[in-house]
Each structure stands twice: as structure tokens, then as C-alpha cells.
């Protein structure tokens, strides 16, 4: 059955819904479900999303969306479709551009406006917390806020599993929209807010002109190819890792007869598999024959 609505996880779909000036009320509504009360956005303006480094040879940064509220807060919004080894590092790197652009010529006391980096992740973060939402900022050794003007918010979409009947808040409805908009054929009864009526109207593919429809189809194909490549790479890596683990296990099993030695070798195998970076903690635990808690500890220390 042909799709009724656009997929917001495509580059085109994300920017069509949230990156165009006439539709900024959608972005404001979504962001306000993530932000504290004292940083609720009344209005915002889109700013440049491409930055060159200090010199022409420095690496540039291209954001999905970059905007600023009327009270001066900066917001960098990134849609991350596949897992990236150093995506937290990338978030921090991107945040530095929003900080540096606040520098003023001449006399300046270094006062900064608040910067939020918001990542919408269509992959699972490997961590013990297993959260849908992560809020992070700089803290001191007593776990108290040290600097309250740099914030990182990550939304882990695959962990949001509520059904339509379980949607309680506006935030729930936004996360459900990100995950399921492309699967819907009509506006659900639960979506009574004006902002969602507008979103569904904008997202309806039947209203797209031929040029936008073509750009969307190209963006959708790219997303599908990206996901298929990721699945293929993970499966090939998983099979390779399992085979390596089995071979090493057989070899170490022949060499080690004592329980203490066997445990040490299993731990060594687990470390090597973690270094490969192709298996989840659960899969490494299965291959190495060690408790998941041990693997998670090794993963933190690797």
C-alpha cells in the first residue's frame, strides 16, 4: 500500500517538517517537550547550519538544524540515523561552534548564552541505563552542576515502545510521530492538538509537487540503503565475531584445564570481541560464556 505520510527520519522529511520557516511551530512544540520550564521557546529563528573552522583548512561542521530563541538560547538539532562510534564526541565538537560564534569584537566579558545540542537517534545506545531520554551537562566531583549553559539531550527512538492507547503526554505523541508517522494512513484520534493537525497536513504526500516528491523518494531510498548496509555489516560482523569466539574458545579450552585459567581466557576473549566493536554486550556474553554484568564492566574499561 502506498504511504500516506512522509517519513520524518529521512533528511528531506525531517527538514520539510521542522526546518522551514512556515512550519517552525512544529519544531517549537517538539523542543518545548524536551526543555526545562525556564528555557521554553516562545519563538525562534533559523540560523546558518554550516560553519567553517578558524582557518580555511580546518574541518567544517554542517548541522541538520541550527536555530536561536528570541531570548538568545542556541539549539543544534541533529538526526542521527545509524550508529556512529564517536557520536558524543561529534555532539561536543558541534557545540563548540555555537559557543565560538558568540564571541564579540572589541571589549567582551565572555558571557555566553545557553547552548543545547539535541540528538534524535534512530539506533540503540550501548549503555546500562537503557533510557529513552538522556540529559547531560557538566558537573563537579559532588555531582552538582558546574556549568549550566551547555546541555546535551539525546532521544533514543527505538526504546520508545508506547502504543497509541498509552500516549499520555505531548512528548509521547511527538516520539510516537517520529517512529510511526510513515506507517499511518489517517490522523489518530489521540492527536487532537492543532500542532499535530498541521503536521499531518504538511506531511501528506498527496499534496507534494512533483519536485518535492522526487526529492523525498531519493531521500527515502538513501535511508533504506543506509539501513540495509548497516544490517548487513552488523550481521556479517556478528557471524565473524561468533566464529572467532568459537575458534578461540576451542583453542583456549584445549590449553586451559583449571577453572581460574579458563575464566581468565574467557575474559581475554571478551576483551578482544569488544575491541572488534561488532557484537552487542549480550552477544559477547553469550560467546565468552561470562555474565552480562562482567561484559558491561569490561566494555566501560576497554
Protein backbone atom coordinates (compact mmCIF):
# COMPACT_ATOMS: atom_id res chain seq x y z
CA UNK A 1 0.00 0.00 0.00
CA UNK A 2 1.45 3.42 -0.93
CA UNK A 3 2.48 5.56 2.01
CA UNK A 4 0.15 8.37 3.08
CA UNK A 5 2.60 10.46 5.08
CA UNK A 6 6.24 11.42 4.82
CA UNK A 7 8.91 9.62 6.84
CA UNK A 8 10.33 12.18 9.31
CA UNK A 9 13.55 10.17 9.67
CA UNK A 10 14.59 10.93 6.09
CA UNK A 11 16.73 14.02 5.57
CA UNK A 12 14.08 15.56 3.33
CA UNK A 13 11.20 14.67 5.63
CA UNK A 14 12.93 15.96 8.76
CA UNK A 15 13.79 19.31 7.20
CA UNK A 16 10.41 19.62 5.48
CA UNK A 17 8.58 19.28 8.78
CA UNK A 18 10.98 21.02 11.14
CA UNK A 19 13.39 23.10 9.10
CA UNK A 20 11.19 25.52 7.16
CA UNK A 21 10.18 28.92 8.49
CA UNK A 22 6.41 28.49 7.91
CA UNK A 23 6.49 25.26 9.93
CA UNK A 24 8.63 26.38 12.86
CA UNK A 25 5.72 25.99 15.29
CA UNK A 26 6.22 22.22 14.88
CA UNK A 27 9.86 22.44 15.95
CA UNK A 28 8.99 24.78 18.84
CA UNK A 29 6.33 22.38 20.12
CA UNK A 30 8.68 19.38 19.94
CA UNK A 31 11.63 21.16 21.57
CA UNK A 32 9.49 22.50 24.39
CA UNK A 33 8.64 18.93 25.43
CA UNK A 34 12.38 18.35 26.00
CA UNK A 35 13.36 21.67 27.60
CA UNK A 36 13.03 22.83 31.22
CA UNK A 37 10.40 25.40 32.11
CA UNK A 38 12.86 28.30 32.24
CA UNK A 39 14.00 27.68 28.65
CA UNK A 40 10.62 27.18 26.98
CA UNK A 41 10.69 28.71 23.49
CA UNK A 42 8.16 31.39 22.55
CA UNK A 43 9.65 31.97 19.10
CA UNK A 44 12.84 31.12 17.24
CA UNK A 45 14.76 31.94 14.12
CA UNK A 46 16.75 29.57 11.94
CA UNK A 47 20.44 30.41 11.62
CA UNK A 48 23.16 29.13 9.33
CA UNK A 49 23.75 25.38 9.58
CA UNK A 50 27.22 25.28 8.01
CA UNK A 51 30.35 26.51 9.76
CA UNK A 52 33.93 26.72 8.56
CA UNK A 53 36.73 26.36 11.10
CA UNK A 54 39.02 29.18 12.16
CA UNK A 55 41.15 28.75 9.05
CA UNK A 56 40.24 27.54 5.52
CA UNK A 57 41.94 24.19 6.17
CA UNK A 58 40.01 23.48 9.38
CA UNK A 59 37.22 20.92 9.27
CA UNK A 60 33.78 22.42 8.73
CA UNK A 61 30.57 21.42 10.50
CA UNK A 62 27.15 21.01 8.90
CA UNK A 63 24.18 20.73 11.24
CA UNK A 64 20.75 19.38 10.34
CA UNK A 65 19.09 22.33 12.07
CA UNK A 66 20.53 25.32 13.88
CA UNK A 67 18.34 27.95 15.49
CA UNK A 68 18.14 30.55 18.22
CA UNK A 69 15.29 31.57 20.50
CA UNK A 70 14.23 35.18 20.98
CA UNK A 71 15.87 35.10 24.42
CA UNK A 72 19.21 34.02 22.95
CA UNK A 73 19.46 30.27 23.61
CA UNK A 74 21.12 28.31 20.79
CA UNK A 75 19.77 24.96 19.61
CA UNK A 76 21.63 22.46 17.43
CA UNK A 77 19.33 19.63 16.35
CA UNK A 78 20.80 16.53 14.75
CA UNK A 79 19.02 13.49 13.31
CA UNK A 80 21.36 10.50 13.64
CA UNK A 81 20.08 7.56 11.58
CA UNK A 82 22.81 4.99 12.13
CA UNK A 83 25.20 4.26 14.95
CA UNK A 84 28.41 6.27 14.95
CA UNK A 85 31.35 5.27 17.13
CA UNK A 86 32.09 8.80 18.36
CA UNK A 87 28.71 10.48 18.09
CA UNK A 88 29.01 12.01 21.58
CA UNK A 89 32.36 13.48 20.56
CA UNK A 90 30.70 14.84 17.45
CA UNK A 91 27.97 16.44 19.57
CA UNK A 92 30.57 18.17 21.71
CA UNK A 93 32.51 19.30 18.62
CA UNK A 94 29.38 20.78 17.08
CA UNK A 95 28.51 22.58 20.31
CA UNK A 96 31.81 24.45 20.16
CA UNK A 97 30.68 26.30 17.02
CA UNK A 98 27.58 27.63 18.78
CA UNK A 99 29.86 28.78 21.60
CA UNK A 100 32.54 30.38 19.41
CA UNK A 101 30.05 32.34 17.32
CA UNK A 102 29.05 34.27 20.46
CA UNK A 103 32.47 35.92 20.67
CA UNK A 104 32.27 39.68 20.17
CA UNK A 105 34.73 42.07 18.60
CA UNK A 106 36.46 44.50 20.94
CA UNK A 107 35.67 44.50 24.64
CA UNK A 108 33.86 41.33 25.74
CA UNK A 109 33.37 39.83 29.18
CA UNK A 110 32.95 36.23 27.84
CA UNK A 111 29.33 35.98 28.94
CA UNK A 112 27.68 33.15 26.98
CA UNK A 113 24.12 32.23 26.12
CA UNK A 114 22.91 28.70 26.77
CA UNK A 115 23.62 26.06 24.10
CA UNK A 116 21.54 22.92 23.66
CA UNK A 117 22.70 20.08 21.42
CA UNK A 118 19.78 17.74 20.75
CA UNK A 119 20.30 14.37 19.11
CA UNK A 120 17.41 12.34 17.73
CA UNK A 121 18.87 8.84 17.49
CA UNK A 122 17.41 6.06 15.38
CA UNK A 123 19.72 3.48 16.95
CA UNK A 124 20.34 2.00 20.39
CA UNK A 125 22.97 3.48 22.67
CA UNK A 126 25.04 0.75 24.30
CA UNK A 127 24.81 1.51 27.98
CA UNK A 128 23.41 0.05 31.15
CA UNK A 129 20.77 2.74 31.70
CA UNK A 130 18.57 1.75 28.73
CA UNK A 131 16.81 5.12 28.71
CA UNK A 132 14.64 6.78 26.07
CA UNK A 133 15.84 10.28 27.06
CA UNK A 134 19.27 11.39 28.23
CA UNK A 135 20.01 14.79 29.74
CA UNK A 136 23.67 15.67 30.28
CA UNK A 137 25.63 18.70 31.43
CA UNK A 138 28.94 19.48 33.15
CA UNK A 139 29.04 18.51 36.84
CA UNK A 140 31.65 18.66 39.59
CA UNK A 141 33.06 15.89 41.78
CA UNK A 142 29.99 16.10 44.04
CA UNK A 143 27.67 15.54 41.08
CA UNK A 144 26.48 19.13 41.29
CA UNK A 145 26.02 21.31 38.15
CA UNK A 146 29.29 23.07 37.38
CA UNK A 147 28.24 24.97 34.25
CA UNK A 148 24.57 25.37 33.38
CA UNK A 149 24.89 26.79 29.88
CA UNK A 150 25.91 23.66 27.94
CA UNK A 151 23.34 20.90 27.63
CA UNK A 152 23.10 17.66 25.66
CA UNK A 153 19.78 15.89 25.12
CA UNK A 154 19.57 12.53 23.34
CA UNK A 155 16.32 10.89 22.27
CA UNK A 156 16.73 7.14 21.67
CA UNK A 157 13.76 6.42 19.42
CA UNK A 158 13.99 2.59 19.26
CA UNK A 159 13.43 2.46 23.03
CA UNK A 160 10.14 4.33 22.78
CA UNK A 161 7.61 1.49 22.55
CA UNK A 162 4.33 3.01 23.70
CA UNK A 163 1.20 2.24 21.71
CA UNK A 164 -1.40 4.82 20.70
CA UNK A 165 -3.52 3.90 23.71
CA UNK A 166 -0.57 4.52 26.05
CA UNK A 167 0.25 8.05 24.91
CA UNK A 168 -0.14 10.31 27.94
CA UNK A 169 1.82 13.46 27.18
CA UNK A 170 2.62 15.78 24.30
CA UNK A 171 6.15 14.41 24.36
CA UNK A 172 4.80 10.87 23.97
CA UNK A 173 2.89 11.96 20.89
CA UNK A 174 5.97 13.57 19.33
CA UNK A 175 8.09 10.49 19.88
CA UNK A 176 5.33 8.29 18.50
CA UNK A 177 5.16 10.57 15.45
CA UNK A 178 8.87 10.19 14.78
CA UNK A 179 8.60 6.42 14.99
CA UNK A 180 5.30 5.75 13.24
CA UNK A 181 4.19 8.69 11.05
CA UNK A 182 5.18 6.92 7.82
CA UNK A 183 3.08 3.87 8.81
CA UNK A 184 -0.16 5.76 9.47
CA UNK A 185 -2.98 6.21 6.99
CA UNK A 186 -5.01 8.78 8.93
CA UNK A 187 -4.74 11.12 11.90
CA UNK A 188 -5.16 9.06 15.10
CA UNK A 189 -7.99 10.11 17.41
CA UNK A 190 -5.46 10.76 20.19
CA UNK A 191 -3.82 13.59 18.20
CA UNK A 192 -6.31 16.37 18.90
CA UNK A 193 -3.83 19.27 19.26
CA UNK A 194 -3.74 21.88 16.50
CA UNK A 195 0.02 21.43 16.06
CA UNK A 196 -0.49 17.80 15.05
CA UNK A 197 -3.37 18.64 12.72
CA UNK A 198 -0.97 20.98 10.98
CA UNK A 199 1.83 18.40 10.95
CA UNK A 200 -0.34 15.72 9.34
CA UNK A 201 -1.48 18.21 6.70
CA UNK A 202 2.11 19.16 5.83
CA UNK A 203 3.26 15.52 5.86
CA UNK A 204 0.58 14.25 3.46
CA UNK A 205 2.40 13.04 0.35
CA UNK A 206 -0.58 13.62 -1.91
CA UNK A 207 -0.04 17.38 -1.54
CA UNK A 208 3.59 17.32 -2.66
CA UNK A 209 4.50 18.81 -6.02
CA UNK A 210 6.48 16.54 -8.42
CA UNK A 211 9.86 18.09 -7.50
CA UNK A 212 9.38 17.62 -3.76
CA UNK A 213 8.03 14.12 -4.29
CA UNK A 214 11.13 13.19 -6.29
CA UNK A 215 13.47 14.67 -3.66
CA UNK A 216 11.60 12.78 -0.97
CA UNK A 217 11.81 9.46 -2.84
CA UNK A 218 15.55 9.96 -3.30
CA UNK A 219 15.93 10.71 0.41
CA UNK A 220 13.83 7.66 1.30
CA UNK A 221 15.95 5.43 -0.94
CA UNK A 222 19.10 6.74 0.73
CA UNK A 223 17.67 5.95 4.18
CA UNK A 224 16.71 2.42 3.12
CA UNK A 225 20.14 1.80 1.59
CA UNK A 226 21.80 3.12 4.73
CA UNK A 227 19.75 0.87 6.98
CA UNK A 228 20.27 -2.18 4.76
CA UNK A 229 24.03 -1.58 4.71
CA UNK A 230 24.05 -1.28 8.49
CA UNK A 231 22.09 -4.51 8.96
CA UNK A 232 24.34 -6.36 6.51
CA UNK A 233 27.52 -5.09 8.16
CA UNK A 234 26.29 -5.98 11.64
CA UNK A 235 25.21 -9.46 10.60
CA UNK A 236 28.49 -10.16 8.82
CA UNK A 237 30.41 -8.78 11.79
CA UNK A 238 28.29 -10.82 14.20
CA UNK A 239 28.92 -14.05 12.32
CA UNK A 240 32.64 -13.28 12.09
CA UNK A 241 32.79 -12.45 15.79
CA UNK A 242 30.94 -15.64 16.75
CA UNK A 243 33.27 -17.72 14.60
CA UNK A 244 36.34 -16.05 16.10
CA UNK A 245 34.94 -16.62 19.56
CA UNK A 246 34.26 -20.30 18.88
CA UNK A 247 37.70 -20.90 17.43
CA UNK A 248 39.42 -19.11 20.29
CA UNK A 249 37.20 -20.87 22.78
CA UNK A 250 38.14 -24.29 21.41
CA UNK A 251 41.81 -23.38 21.34
CA UNK A 252 41.82 -21.94 24.85
CA UNK A 253 39.73 -24.84 26.11
CA UNK A 254 42.36 -27.31 25.00
CA UNK A 255 45.13 -25.29 26.65
CA UNK A 256 43.43 -24.47 29.95
CA UNK A 257 42.18 -27.11 32.30
CA UNK A 258 41.85 -25.19 35.51
CA UNK A 259 38.75 -23.11 36.28
CA UNK A 260 40.71 -20.00 37.13
CA UNK A 261 42.68 -20.17 33.90
CA UNK A 262 39.54 -20.79 31.84
CA UNK A 263 37.87 -17.71 33.35
CA UNK A 264 40.90 -15.55 32.58
CA UNK A 265 40.90 -16.78 28.99
CA UNK A 266 37.17 -16.15 28.63
CA UNK A 267 37.73 -12.62 29.86
CA UNK A 268 40.55 -12.21 27.31
CA UNK A 269 38.24 -13.40 24.52
CA UNK A 270 35.55 -10.99 25.66
CA UNK A 271 38.01 -8.07 25.59
CA UNK A 272 39.06 -8.96 22.04
CA UNK A 273 35.44 -9.19 20.87
CA UNK A 274 34.63 -5.84 22.49
CA UNK A 275 37.56 -4.30 20.67
CA UNK A 276 36.12 -5.54 17.38
CA UNK A 277 33.03 -3.47 18.12
CA UNK A 278 30.65 -5.61 16.04
CA UNK A 279 28.77 -7.52 18.75
CA UNK A 280 26.45 -6.23 21.42
CA UNK A 281 27.33 -6.79 25.08
CA UNK A 282 24.71 -9.55 25.24
CA UNK A 283 26.24 -11.38 22.25
CA UNK A 284 29.76 -11.09 23.68
CA UNK A 285 28.49 -12.51 26.98
CA UNK A 286 26.95 -15.46 25.13
CA UNK A 287 30.07 -16.19 23.09
CA UNK A 288 32.52 -15.79 26.00
CA UNK A 289 30.29 -17.59 28.49
CA UNK A 290 30.50 -14.79 31.05
CA UNK A 291 27.78 -12.90 32.96
CA UNK A 292 26.44 -9.79 31.21
CA UNK A 293 27.45 -7.63 34.18
CA UNK A 294 31.08 -8.66 33.69
CA UNK A 295 30.92 -7.82 29.98
CA UNK A 296 29.38 -4.40 30.69
CA UNK A 297 32.19 -3.66 33.15
CA UNK A 298 34.80 -4.70 30.59
CA UNK A 299 33.06 -2.57 27.97
CA UNK A 300 33.40 0.53 30.16
CA UNK A 301 37.09 -0.19 30.78
CA UNK A 302 38.06 -1.09 27.22
